[in-house]
Amino acid sequence: MKKIPERTCVITHEKYPKKELIRVVKNKEGEVFIDTTGKANGRGAYLKKDIEVIEKASKSKALDRILEIEVPDSIYEELKELIK
């Protein structure tokens, strides 16, 4: 049996297989982007693929605290588009 990597959603604090979450990354240059491969270099935060979770992250500014940078609203819009 191959072990399936699990990650924790930064909003709900629930563990899910890595493939079921969306990763948002801040790289060394200070750029924030959505990592669709799950392998990009940088500090990452995982979010559950749920519109309510994305909206809660936007309101609470949780990604700003975790990634230690101001996350632009365009990232949240991209996340919502990815889920739909």
PDB file of N, CA and C in Angstrom:
ATOM      1  N   MET A   1       0.837  -1.191   0.000  1.00  0.00           N
ATOM      2  CA  MET A   1       0.000   0.000   0.000  1.00  0.00           C
ATOM      3  C   MET A   1       0.878   1.249   0.000  1.00  0.00           C
ATOM      4  N   LYS A   2       0.594   2.124  -0.961  1.00  0.00           N
ATOM      5  CA  LYS A   2       1.315   3.385  -1.015  1.00  0.00           C
ATOM      6  C   LYS A   2       0.606   4.393  -0.109  1.00  0.00           C
ATOM      7  N   LYS A   3       1.396   5.132   0.667  1.00  0.00           N
ATOM      8  CA  LYS A   3       0.825   6.115   1.583  1.00  0.00           C
ATOM      9  C   LYS A   3       0.369   7.348   0.798  1.00  0.00           C
ATOM     10  N   ILE A   4      -0.854   7.811   1.066  1.00  0.00           N
ATOM     11  CA  ILE A   4      -1.388   9.003   0.410  1.00  0.00           C
ATOM     12  C   ILE A   4      -1.072  10.209   1.295  1.00  0.00           C
ATOM     13  N   PRO A   5      -0.354  11.214   0.741  1.00  0.00           N
ATOM     14  CA  PRO A   5      -0.013  12.385   1.566  1.00  0.00           C
ATOM     15  C   PRO A   5      -1.258  13.193   1.926  1.00  0.00           C
ATOM     16  N   GLU A   6      -1.355  13.570   3.193  1.00  0.00           N
ATOM     17  CA  GLU A   6      -2.475  14.373   3.651  1.00  0.00           C
ATOM     18  C   GLU A   6      -1.977  15.745   4.083  1.00  0.00           C
ATOM     19  N   ARG A   7      -2.823  16.747   3.870  1.00  0.00           N
ATOM     20  CA  ARG A   7      -2.518  18.110   4.280  1.00  0.00           C
ATOM     21  C   ARG A   7      -3.734  18.668   5.026  1.00  0.00           C
ATOM     22  N   THR A   8      -3.522  19.736   5.780  1.00  0.00           N
ATOM     23  CA  THR A   8      -4.578  20.336   6.577  1.00  0.00           C
ATOM     24  C   THR A   8      -5.046  21.643   5.950  1.00  0.00           C
ATOM     25  N   CYS A   9      -6.352  21.800   5.820  1.00  0.00           N
ATOM     26  CA  CYS A   9      -6.937  23.051   5.333  1.00  0.00           C
ATOM     27  C   CYS A   9      -6.698  24.125   6.395  1.00  0.00           C
ATOM     28  N   VAL A  10      -6.202  25.305   5.984  1.00  0.00           N
ATOM     29  CA  VAL A  10      -5.876  26.356   6.946  1.00  0.00           C
ATOM     30  C   VAL A  10      -7.121  27.016   7.542  1.00  0.00           C
ATOM     31  N   ILE A  11      -8.279  26.806   6.939  1.00  0.00           N
ATOM     32  CA  ILE A  11      -9.521  27.407   7.435  1.00  0.00           C
ATOM     33  C   ILE A  11     -10.297  26.421   8.306  1.00  0.00           C
ATOM     34  N   THR A  12     -10.565  25.229   7.783  1.00  0.00           N
ATOM     35  CA  THR A  12     -11.379  24.258   8.522  1.00  0.00           C
ATOM     36  C   THR A  12     -10.558  23.401   9.482  1.00  0.00           C
ATOM     37  N   HIS A  13      -9.235  23.351   9.291  1.00  0.00           N
ATOM     38  CA  HIS A  13      -8.316  22.531  10.093  1.00  0.00           C
ATOM     39  C   HIS A  13      -8.626  21.042   9.991  1.00  0.00           C
ATOM     40  N   GLU A  14      -9.210  20.640   8.860  1.00  0.00           N
ATOM     41  CA  GLU A  14      -9.487  19.227   8.606  1.00  0.00           C
ATOM     42  C   GLU A  14      -8.411  18.675   7.672  1.00  0.00           C
ATOM     43  N   LYS A  15      -8.065  17.413   7.875  1.00  0.00           N
ATOM     44  CA  LYS A  15      -7.065  16.764   7.020  1.00  0.00           C
ATOM     45  C   LYS A  15      -7.733  16.117   5.821  1.00  0.00           C
ATOM     46  N   TYR A  16      -7.122  16.324   4.643  1.00  0.00           N
ATOM     47  CA  TYR A  16      -7.605  15.745   3.393  1.00  0.00           C
ATOM     48  C   TYR A  16      -6.418  15.255   2.597  1.00  0.00           C
ATOM     49  N   PRO A  17      -6.660  14.306   1.667  1.00  0.00           N
ATOM     50  CA  PRO A  17      -5.578  13.949   0.746  1.00  0.00           C
ATOM     51  C   PRO A  17      -5.152  15.193  -0.029  1.00  0.00           C
ATOM     52  N   LYS A  18      -3.866  15.303  -0.286  1.00  0.00           N
ATOM     53  CA  LYS A  18      -3.280  16.483  -0.933  1.00  0.00           C
ATOM     54  C   LYS A  18      -3.996  16.865  -2.233  1.00  0.00           C
ATOM     55  N   LYS A  19      -4.450  15.883  -2.992  1.00  0.00           N
ATOM     56  CA  LYS A  19      -5.099  16.119  -4.284  1.00  0.00           C
ATOM     57  C   LYS A  19      -6.464  16.803  -4.147  1.00  0.00           C
ATOM     58  N   GLU A  20      -7.088  16.721  -2.969  1.00  0.00           N
ATOM     59  CA  GLU A  20      -8.413  17.300  -2.766  1.00  0.00           C
ATOM     60  C   GLU A  20      -8.356  18.755  -2.297  1.00  0.00           C
ATOM     61  N   LEU A  21      -7.154  19.305  -2.151  1.00  0.00           N
ATOM     62  CA  LEU A  21      -6.991  20.669  -1.675  1.00  0.00           C
ATOM     63  C   LEU A  21      -6.341  21.539  -2.747  1.00  0.00           C
ATOM     64  N   ILE A  22      -6.488  22.849  -2.595  1.00  0.00           N
ATOM     65  CA  ILE A  22      -5.845  23.809  -3.489  1.00  0.00           C
ATOM     66  C   ILE A  22      -4.704  24.456  -2.717  1.00  0.00           C
ATOM     67  N   ARG A  23      -3.544  24.574  -3.350  1.00  0.00           N
ATOM     68  CA  ARG A  23      -2.376  25.154  -2.689  1.00  0.00           C
ATOM     69  C   ARG A  23      -2.124  26.566  -3.203  1.00  0.00           C
ATOM     70  N   VAL A  24      -1.986  27.495  -2.279  1.00  0.00           N
ATOM     71  CA  VAL A  24      -1.615  28.873  -2.606  1.00  0.00           C
ATOM     72  C   VAL A  24      -0.197  29.065  -2.086  1.00  0.00           C
ATOM     73  N   VAL A  25       0.688  29.630  -2.940  1.00  0.00           N
ATOM     74  CA  VAL A  25       2.116  29.697  -2.629  1.00  0.00           C
ATOM     75  C   VAL A  25       2.629  31.126  -2.677  1.00  0.00           C
ATOM     76  N   LYS A  26       3.553  31.428  -1.758  1.00  0.00           N
ATOM     77  CA  LYS A  26       4.336  32.671  -1.832  1.00  0.00           C
ATOM     78  C   LYS A  26       5.782  32.253  -2.063  1.00  0.00           C
ATOM     79  N   ASN A  27       6.372  32.719  -3.175  1.00  0.00           N
ATOM     80  CA  ASN A  27       7.757  32.341  -3.456  1.00  0.00           C
ATOM     81  C   ASN A  27       8.733  33.360  -2.862  1.00  0.00           C
ATOM     82  N   LYS A  28      10.036  33.150  -3.081  1.00  0.00           N
ATOM     83  CA  LYS A  28      11.064  34.010  -2.497  1.00  0.00           C
ATOM     84  C   LYS A  28      10.994  35.444  -3.012  1.00  0.00           C
ATOM     85  N   GLU A  29      10.450  35.626  -4.208  1.00  0.00           N
ATOM     86  CA  GLU A  29      10.336  36.971  -4.782  1.00  0.00           C
ATOM     87  C   GLU A  29       9.136  37.732  -4.204  1.00  0.00           C
ATOM     88  N   GLY A  30       8.326  37.063  -3.395  1.00  0.00           N
ATOM     89  CA  GLY A  30       7.166  37.701  -2.793  1.00  0.00           C
ATOM     90  C   GLY A  30       5.923  37.628  -3.658  1.00  0.00           C
ATOM     91  N   GLU A  31       5.950  36.779  -4.691  1.00  0.00           N
ATOM     92  CA  GLU A  31       4.789  36.609  -5.567  1.00  0.00           C
ATOM     93  C   GLU A  31       3.850  35.569  -4.953  1.00  0.00           C
ATOM     94  N   VAL A  32       2.554  35.839  -5.027  1.00  0.00           N
ATOM     95  CA  VAL A  32       1.545  34.904  -4.538  1.00  0.00           C
ATOM     96  C   VAL A  32       0.804  34.339  -5.747  1.00  0.00           C
ATOM     97  N   PHE A  33       0.681  33.009  -5.804  1.00  0.00           N
ATOM     98  CA  PHE A  33      -0.010  32.381  -6.924  1.00  0.00           C
ATOM     99  C   PHE A  33      -0.602  31.050  -6.500  1.00  0.00           C
ATOM    100  N   ILE A  34      -1.498  30.533  -7.346  1.00  0.00           N
ATOM    101  CA  ILE A  34      -2.121  29.237  -7.092  1.00  0.00           C
ATOM    102  C   ILE A  34      -1.251  28.163  -7.720  1.00  0.00           C
ATOM    103  N   ASP A  35      -0.887  27.176  -6.922  1.00  0.00           N
ATOM    104  CA  ASP A  35      -0.010  26.096  -7.384  1.00  0.00           C
ATOM    105  C   ASP A  35      -0.870  24.891  -7.761  1.00  0.00           C
ATOM    106  N   THR A  36      -1.091  24.716  -9.057  1.00  0.00           N
ATOM    107  CA  THR A  36      -1.922  23.596  -9.510  1.00  0.00           C
ATOM    108  C   THR A  36      -1.156  22.270  -9.490  1.00  0.00           C
ATOM    109  N   THR A  37       0.179  22.334  -9.544  1.00  0.00           N
ATOM    110  CA  THR A  37       0.979  21.100  -9.555  1.00  0.00           C
ATOM    111  C   THR A  37       1.215  20.565  -8.148  1.00  0.00           C
ATOM    112  N   GLY A  38       1.206  21.454  -7.154  1.00  0.00           N
ATOM    113  CA  GLY A  38       1.487  21.034  -5.781  1.00  0.00           C
ATOM    114  C   GLY A  38       2.959  20.869  -5.508  1.00  0.00           C
ATOM    115  N   LYS A  39       3.812  21.329  -6.446  1.00  0.00           N
ATOM    116  CA  LYS A  39       5.253  21.125  -6.305  1.00  0.00           C
ATOM    117  C   LYS A  39       6.070  22.411  -6.392  1.00  0.00           C
ATOM    118  N   ALA A  40       5.406  23.551  -6.495  1.00  0.00           N
ATOM    119  CA  ALA A  40       6.132  24.819  -6.645  1.00  0.00           C
ATOM    120  C   ALA A  40       6.908  25.151  -5.371  1.00  0.00           C
ATOM    121  N   ASN A  41       8.062  25.783  -5.548  1.00  0.00           N
ATOM    122  CA  ASN A  41       8.875  26.190  -4.409  1.00  0.00           C
ATOM    123  C   ASN A  41       8.229  27.367  -3.698  1.00  0.00           C
ATOM    124  N   GLY A  42       8.364  27.392  -2.382  1.00  0.00           N
ATOM    125  CA  GLY A  42       7.857  28.504  -1.602  1.00  0.00           C
ATOM    126  C   GLY A  42       6.986  28.045  -0.454  1.00  0.00           C
ATOM    127  N   ARG A  43       6.513  29.032   0.295  1.00  0.00           N
ATOM    128  CA  ARG A  43       5.654  28.754   1.456  1.00  0.00           C
ATOM    129  C   ARG A  43       4.234  28.524   0.956  1.00  0.00           C
ATOM    130  N   GLY A  44       3.637  27.428   1.338  1.00  0.00           N
ATOM    131  CA  GLY A  44       2.318  27.073   0.833  1.00  0.00           C
ATOM    132  C   GLY A  44       1.258  26.984   1.913  1.00  0.00           C
ATOM    133  N   ALA A  45       0.029  27.225   1.493  1.00  0.00           N
ATOM    134  CA  ALA A  45      -1.137  27.079   2.375  1.00  0.00           C
ATOM    135  C   ALA A  45      -2.208  26.336   1.591  1.00  0.00           C
ATOM    136  N   TYR A  46      -2.849  25.391   2.237  1.00  0.00           N
ATOM    137  CA  TYR A  46      -3.852  24.566   1.567  1.00  0.00           C
ATOM    138  C   TYR A  46      -5.258  24.989   1.955  1.00  0.00           C
ATOM    139  N   LEU A  47      -6.148  25.008   0.940  1.00  0.00           N
ATOM    140  CA  LEU A  47      -7.552  25.336   1.154  1.00  0.00           C
ATOM    141  C   LEU A  47      -8.429  24.242   0.569  1.00  0.00           C
ATOM    142  N   LYS A  48      -9.510  23.924   1.266  1.00  0.00           N
ATOM    143  CA  LYS A  48     -10.488  22.961   0.789  1.00  0.00           C
ATOM    144  C   LYS A  48     -11.182  23.531  -0.451  1.00  0.00           C
ATOM    145  N   LYS A  49     -11.522  22.666  -1.396  1.00  0.00           N
ATOM    146  CA  LYS A  49     -12.204  23.100  -2.622  1.00  0.00           C
ATOM    147  C   LYS A  49     -13.682  23.338  -2.333  1.00  0.00           C
ATOM    148  N   ASP A  50     -13.961  24.468  -1.688  1.00  0.00           N
ATOM    149  CA  ASP A  50     -15.315  24.822  -1.287  1.00  0.00           C
ATOM    150  C   ASP A  50     -15.444  26.343  -1.315  1.00  0.00           C
ATOM    151  N   ILE A  51     -16.490  26.845  -1.981  1.00  0.00           N
ATOM    152  CA  ILE A  51     -16.701  28.293  -2.112  1.00  0.00           C
ATOM    153  C   ILE A  51     -16.772  28.963  -0.739  1.00  0.00           C
ATOM    154  N   GLU A  52     -17.471  28.339   0.207  1.00  0.00           N
ATOM    155  CA  GLU A  52     -17.614  28.918   1.551  1.00  0.00           C
ATOM    156  C   GLU A  52     -16.254  29.070   2.233  1.00  0.00           C
ATOM    157  N   VAL A  53     -15.379  28.091   2.052  1.00  0.00           N
ATOM    158  CA  VAL A  53     -14.039  28.143   2.651  1.00  0.00           C
ATOM    159  C   VAL A  53     -13.232  29.284   2.033  1.00  0.00           C
ATOM    160  N   ILE A  54     -13.332  29.454   0.718  1.00  0.00           N
ATOM    161  CA  ILE A  54     -12.607  30.529   0.030  1.00  0.00           C
ATOM    162  C   ILE A  54     -13.103  31.893   0.528  1.00  0.00           C
ATOM    163  N   GLU A  55     -14.424  32.045   0.654  1.00  0.00           N
ATOM    164  CA  GLU A  55     -14.986  33.307   1.128  1.00  0.00           C
ATOM    165  C   GLU A  55     -14.569  33.592   2.572  1.00  0.00           C
ATOM    166  N   LYS A  56     -14.540  32.555   3.390  1.00  0.00           N
ATOM    167  CA  LYS A  56     -14.124  32.727   4.791  1.00  0.00           C
ATOM    168  C   LYS A  56     -12.652  33.127   4.853  1.00  0.00           C
ATOM    169  N   ALA A  57     -11.827  32.539   4.001  1.00  0.00           N
ATOM    170  CA  ALA A  57     -10.402  32.884   3.948  1.00  0.00           C
ATOM    171  C   ALA A  57     -10.227  34.344   3.535  1.00  0.00           C
ATOM    172  N   SER A  58     -11.039  34.786   2.591  1.00  0.00           N
ATOM    173  CA  SER A  58     -10.972  36.165   2.115  1.00  0.00           C
ATOM    174  C   SER A  58     -11.359  37.152   3.219  1.00  0.00           C
ATOM    175  N   LYS A  59     -12.426  36.851   3.940  1.00  0.00           N
ATOM    176  CA  LYS A  59     -12.905  37.746   4.996  1.00  0.00           C
ATOM    177  C   LYS A  59     -11.956  37.782   6.188  1.00  0.00           C
ATOM    178  N   SER A  60     -11.441  36.622   6.577  1.00  0.00           N
ATOM    179  CA  SER A  60     -10.608  36.541   7.778  1.00  0.00           C
ATOM    180  C   SER A  60      -9.148  36.903   7.525  1.00  0.00           C
ATOM    181  N   LYS A  61      -8.774  37.003   6.254  1.00  0.00           N
ATOM    182  CA  LYS A  61      -7.379  37.306   5.879  1.00  0.00           C
ATOM    183  C   LYS A  61      -6.407  36.259   6.443  1.00  0.00           C
ATOM    184  N   ALA A  62      -6.872  35.017   6.539  1.00  0.00           N
ATOM    185  CA  ALA A  62      -6.047  33.930   7.083  1.00  0.00           C
ATOM    186  C   ALA A  62      -4.813  33.680   6.210  1.00  0.00           C
ATOM    187  N   LEU A  63      -4.988  33.746   4.887  1.00  0.00           N
ATOM    188  CA  LEU A  63      -3.837  33.518   4.001  1.00  0.00           C
ATOM    189  C   LEU A  63      -2.782  34.604   4.185  1.00  0.00           C
ATOM    190  N   ASP A  64      -3.219  35.840   4.453  1.00  0.00           N
ATOM    191  CA  ASP A  64      -2.271  36.928   4.691  1.00  0.00           C
ATOM    192  C   ASP A  64      -1.363  36.598   5.876  1.00  0.00           C
ATOM    193  N   ARG A  65      -1.964  36.070   6.945  1.00  0.00           N
ATOM    194  CA  ARG A  65      -1.182  35.735   8.145  1.00  0.00           C
ATOM    195  C   ARG A  65      -0.253  34.551   7.896  1.00  0.00           C
ATOM    196  N   ILE A  66      -0.779  33.530   7.241  1.00  0.00           N
ATOM    197  CA  ILE A  66       0.002  32.302   7.048  1.00  0.00           C
ATOM    198  C   ILE A  66       1.153  32.523   6.069  1.00  0.00           C
ATOM    199  N   LEU A  67       0.874  33.220   4.958  1.00  0.00           N
ATOM    200  CA  LEU A  67       1.904  33.452   3.948  1.00  0.00           C
ATOM    201  C   LEU A  67       2.752  34.687   4.257  1.00  0.00           C
ATOM    202  N   GLU A  68       2.366  35.423   5.295  1.00  0.00           N
ATOM    203  CA  GLU A  68       3.099  36.613   5.737  1.00  0.00           C
ATOM    204  C   GLU A  68       3.236  37.655   4.633  1.00  0.00           C
ATOM    205  N   ILE A  69       2.164  37.855   3.870  1.00  0.00           N
ATOM    206  CA  ILE A  69       2.117  38.847   2.796  1.00  0.00           C
ATOM    207  C   ILE A  69       0.654  39.144   2.501  1.00  0.00           C
ATOM    208  N   GLU A  70       0.382  40.329   1.960  1.00  0.00           N
ATOM    209  CA  GLU A  70      -0.999  40.661   1.606  1.00  0.00           C
ATOM    210  C   GLU A  70      -1.388  39.938   0.322  1.00  0.00           C
ATOM    211  N   VAL A  71      -2.402  39.082   0.414  1.00  0.00           N
ATOM    212  CA  VAL A  71      -2.857  38.303  -0.746  1.00  0.00           C
ATOM    213  C   VAL A  71      -3.871  39.148  -1.521  1.00  0.00           C
ATOM    214  N   PRO A  72      -3.616  39.400  -2.823  1.00  0.00           N
ATOM    215  CA  PRO A  72      -4.554  40.223  -3.598  1.00  0.00           C
ATOM    216  C   PRO A  72      -5.904  39.529  -3.796  1.00  0.00           C
ATOM    217  N   ASP A  73      -6.957  40.348  -3.971  1.00  0.00           N
ATOM    218  CA  ASP A  73      -8.310  39.817  -4.172  1.00  0.00           C
ATOM    219  C   ASP A  73      -8.395  38.960  -5.432  1.00  0.00           C
ATOM    220  N   SER A  74      -7.526  39.229  -6.407  1.00  0.00           N
ATOM    221  CA  SER A  74      -7.542  38.451  -7.658  1.00  0.00           C
ATOM    222  C   SER A  74      -7.266  36.970  -7.401  1.00  0.00           C
ATOM    223  N   ILE A  75      -6.465  36.669  -6.390  1.00  0.00           N
ATOM    224  CA  ILE A  75      -6.173  35.265  -6.040  1.00  0.00           C
ATOM    225  C   ILE A  75      -7.454  34.573  -5.571  1.00  0.00           C
ATOM    226  N   TYR A  76      -8.239  35.263  -4.747  1.00  0.00           N
ATOM    227  CA  TYR A  76      -9.493  34.679  -4.260  1.00  0.00           C
ATOM    228  C   TYR A  76     -10.472  34.462  -5.412  1.00  0.00           C
ATOM    229  N   GLU A  77     -10.489  35.408  -6.377  1.00  0.00           N
ATOM    230  CA  GLU A  77     -11.349  35.266  -7.555  1.00  0.00           C
ATOM    231  C   GLU A  77     -10.918  34.054  -8.388  1.00  0.00           C
ATOM    232  N   GLU A  78      -9.597  33.885  -8.558  1.00  0.00           N
ATOM    233  CA  GLU A  78      -9.067  32.733  -9.298  1.00  0.00           C
ATOM    234  C   GLU A  78      -9.451  31.422  -8.604  1.00  0.00           C
ATOM    235  N   LEU A  79      -9.371  31.408  -7.287  1.00  0.00           N
ATOM    236  CA  LEU A  79      -9.737  30.209  -6.514  1.00  0.00           C
ATOM    237  C   LEU A  79     -11.195  29.849  -6.730  1.00  0.00           C
ATOM    238  N   LYS A  80     -12.061  30.855  -6.716  1.00  0.00           N
ATOM    239  CA  LYS A  80     -13.502  30.605  -6.941  1.00  0.00           C
ATOM    240  C   LYS A  80     -13.744  30.065  -8.346  1.00  0.00           C
ATOM    241  N   GLU A  81     -13.014  30.594  -9.330  1.00  0.00           N
ATOM    242  CA  GLU A  81     -13.156  30.109 -10.711  1.00  0.00           C
ATOM    243  C   GLU A  81     -12.680  28.664 -10.841  1.00  0.00           C
ATOM    244  N   LEU A  82     -11.597  28.321 -10.135  1.00  0.00           N
ATOM    245  CA  LEU A  82     -11.072  26.956 -10.172  1.00  0.00           C
ATOM    246  C   LEU A  82     -12.093  25.939  -9.640  1.00  0.00           C
ATOM    247  N   ILE A  83     -12.834  26.336  -8.622  1.00  0.00           N
ATOM    248  CA  ILE A  83     -13.790  25.430  -7.990  1.00  0.00           C
ATOM    249  C   ILE A  83     -15.006  25.196  -8.881  1.00  0.00           C
ATOM    250  N   LYS A  84     -15.423  26.235  -9.605  1.00  0.00           N
ATOM    251  CA  LYS A  84     -16.625  26.130 -10.440  1.00  0.00           C
ATOM    252  C   LYS A  84     -16.441  25.248 -11.639  1.00  0.00           C
TER     253      LYS A  84
END
